Structure formats: C-alpha cells, structure tokens
Amino acid sequence: MRLDRWLWAARAFKTRPLAATACDGGKVDVNDSAAKPAKPVRLGDVIRVTLGQGRRRILKVAGLDERRGSPARARALYEDLTPAEPPRSRRAAPPLRPPGAGRPTKRERREIERLRGW
C-alpha cells in the first residue's frame, strides 16, 4: 500500500495531497529513511511524521486499509509510539512596564480622562 494513502487512512493528514506534499518535503521517514509518497508500507514499519509547530509523531504500522474510515477505525491501523509531551508550565505574567513609559494602558487612559473631566 502507498505511504500517502496509509497516512491519509490513518488520519495523520486531512487530505491525501497534504500527505504526499509532506512526503516530498522530507517530513515523513519510514524506518529511519526519507520516504516518497509511493513508498510501499508494510506491517511493522515505523513511520516518523513531523507536523506543524515542530511536533513529531512516531507510528508503528499495525494494519493496512485502502479506505479512510472513522477515527476509531483509523486508530486500529497504527500503534502510537510518540513519547508523552512534558507538562506545560503555567503561563508567565506579562512583563511589567514602568509607569509613564510608552503608550498608556487602558486603565491609565481612563484615569487621564477622569482627571481632565471628559
């Protein structure tokens, strides 16, 4: 089975052309070697896919299917070997701006308007 069809059926990409473009762009490796869209996929192959924002997924082929089905059916096509992401740190507070530096904040603008009597 073609790699781009399998990636599409396994729901790694929304469309088959997106899967083919990712393969051509070097974003997909099969068994640690670059893969073209027509590369045959076999049971037991390990596929590394680089998605947006530097995310990587590691999938082991557990089944082959020519047609795209439900998400539950797609999950049966692979075993996800992707390591868990580290927990996100809490969002940092915005940097403090010394009063009077730069453009006034909304609060400061309202205080100025209150002083002016607007």
Protein backbone atom coordinates (compact mmCIF):
# COMPACT_ATOMS: atom_id res chain seq x y z
CA MET A 1 0.00 0.00 0.00
CA ARG A 2 1.23 3.52 -0.80
CA LEU A 3 2.55 5.61 2.09
CA ASP A 4 0.46 8.68 1.28
CA ARG A 5 -2.73 6.60 1.20
CA TRP A 6 -1.90 4.96 4.51
CA LEU A 7 -1.16 8.31 6.20
CA TRP A 8 -4.49 9.62 4.91
CA ALA A 9 -6.40 6.50 6.03
CA ALA A 10 -4.72 6.63 9.46
CA ARG A 11 -5.81 10.28 9.75
CA ALA A 12 -2.30 11.66 10.17
CA PHE A 13 -3.25 14.22 7.47
CA LYS A 14 -6.63 15.61 6.46
CA THR A 15 -6.16 15.04 2.74
CA ARG A 16 -4.08 12.75 0.59
CA PRO A 17 -2.38 15.65 -1.26
CA LEU A 18 -1.23 17.02 2.12
CA ALA A 19 0.26 13.63 2.95
CA ALA A 20 2.00 13.46 -0.43
CA THR A 21 3.37 17.00 -0.02
CA ALA A 22 4.73 16.13 3.43
CA CYS A 23 6.45 13.04 2.00
CA ASP A 24 8.00 15.07 -0.83
CA GLY A 25 9.10 17.75 1.63
CA GLY A 26 11.06 15.30 3.78
CA LYS A 27 8.62 15.44 6.71
CA VAL A 28 7.98 11.67 6.70
CA ASP A 29 10.53 8.92 7.39
CA VAL A 30 9.89 5.19 7.14
CA ASN A 31 12.28 3.01 9.14
CA ASP A 32 14.68 5.96 9.55
CA SER A 33 14.96 6.75 5.84
CA ALA A 34 13.29 9.51 3.83
CA ALA A 35 10.17 8.34 2.04
CA LYS A 36 8.39 9.33 -1.15
CA PRO A 37 4.57 9.16 -1.41
CA ALA A 38 4.61 5.92 -3.43
CA LYS A 39 6.84 4.00 -0.99
CA PRO A 40 5.16 0.75 -0.02
CA VAL A 41 4.12 0.42 3.61
CA ARG A 42 4.23 -2.97 5.35
CA LEU A 43 3.11 -4.22 8.74
CA GLY A 44 5.66 -3.41 11.43
CA ASP A 45 7.15 -0.35 9.68
CA VAL A 46 7.94 2.60 11.94
CA ILE A 47 6.86 5.94 10.48
CA ARG A 48 8.07 9.27 11.85
CA VAL A 49 5.90 12.24 10.85
CA THR A 50 6.80 15.87 11.51
CA LEU A 51 3.68 18.00 11.91
CA GLY A 52 3.24 21.74 12.42
CA GLN A 53 4.95 23.61 15.30
CA GLY A 54 7.75 21.04 15.40
CA ARG A 55 5.52 18.28 16.76
CA ARG A 56 6.61 14.77 15.82
CA ARG A 57 4.59 11.56 15.86
CA ILE A 58 6.04 8.07 15.76
CA LEU A 59 3.63 5.46 14.41
CA LYS A 60 4.11 1.72 14.04
CA VAL A 61 2.00 0.18 11.27
CA ALA A 62 -0.42 -2.33 12.79
CA GLY A 63 -2.85 -2.62 9.89
CA LEU A 64 -3.44 -1.65 6.29
CA ASP A 65 -6.60 -0.16 4.87
CA GLU A 66 -7.19 1.40 1.46
CA ARG A 67 -10.18 3.44 2.63
CA ARG A 68 -10.45 6.21 5.18
CA GLY A 69 -12.85 5.31 7.94
CA SER A 70 -13.93 6.52 11.35
CA PRO A 71 -11.32 7.77 13.85
CA ALA A 72 -11.70 4.55 15.85
CA ARG A 73 -11.03 2.50 12.73
CA ALA A 74 -8.02 4.71 11.90
CA ARG A 75 -6.53 4.22 15.40
CA ALA A 76 -6.56 0.46 14.75
CA LEU A 77 -4.15 0.98 11.82
CA TYR A 78 -1.23 2.07 13.99
CA GLU A 79 0.39 1.84 17.40
CA ASP A 80 1.37 5.27 18.68
CA LEU A 81 4.98 5.23 19.96
CA THR A 82 5.19 9.01 20.40
CA PRO A 83 6.69 9.89 23.80
CA ALA A 84 4.44 11.91 26.08
CA GLU A 85 4.95 15.66 25.92
CA PRO A 86 6.35 17.28 29.04
CA PRO A 87 3.73 19.18 31.05
CA ARG A 88 3.37 22.79 30.06
CA SER A 89 4.49 25.39 32.52
CA ARG A 90 1.97 27.91 33.70
CA ARG A 91 1.73 30.97 31.55
CA ALA A 92 4.08 33.68 32.74
CA ALA A 93 2.68 37.07 33.65
CA PRO A 94 3.23 39.78 31.05
CA PRO A 95 6.39 41.79 31.61
CA LEU A 96 5.97 44.81 33.85
CA ARG A 97 6.09 48.18 32.15
CA PRO A 98 7.30 51.08 34.25
CA PRO A 99 4.60 53.74 34.66
CA GLY A 100 4.92 56.56 32.17
CA ALA A 101 6.94 54.51 29.68
CA GLY A 102 5.42 54.21 26.23
CA ARG A 103 1.76 54.31 25.36
CA PRO A 104 -0.72 54.47 28.27
CA THR A 105 -2.68 51.37 29.16
CA LYS A 106 -6.46 51.37 29.07
CA ARG A 107 -6.58 51.88 32.82
CA GLU A 108 -4.11 54.79 32.67
CA ARG A 109 -6.07 56.35 29.78
CA ARG A 110 -9.28 56.25 31.79
CA GLU A 111 -7.54 57.86 34.75
CA ILE A 112 -6.22 60.64 32.50
CA GLU A 113 -9.72 61.18 31.06
CA ARG A 114 -11.17 61.28 34.59
CA LEU A 115 -8.62 63.94 35.61
CA ARG A 116 -9.36 66.04 32.51
CA GLY A 117 -13.09 65.75 33.15
CA TRP A 118 -14.05 64.08 29.86
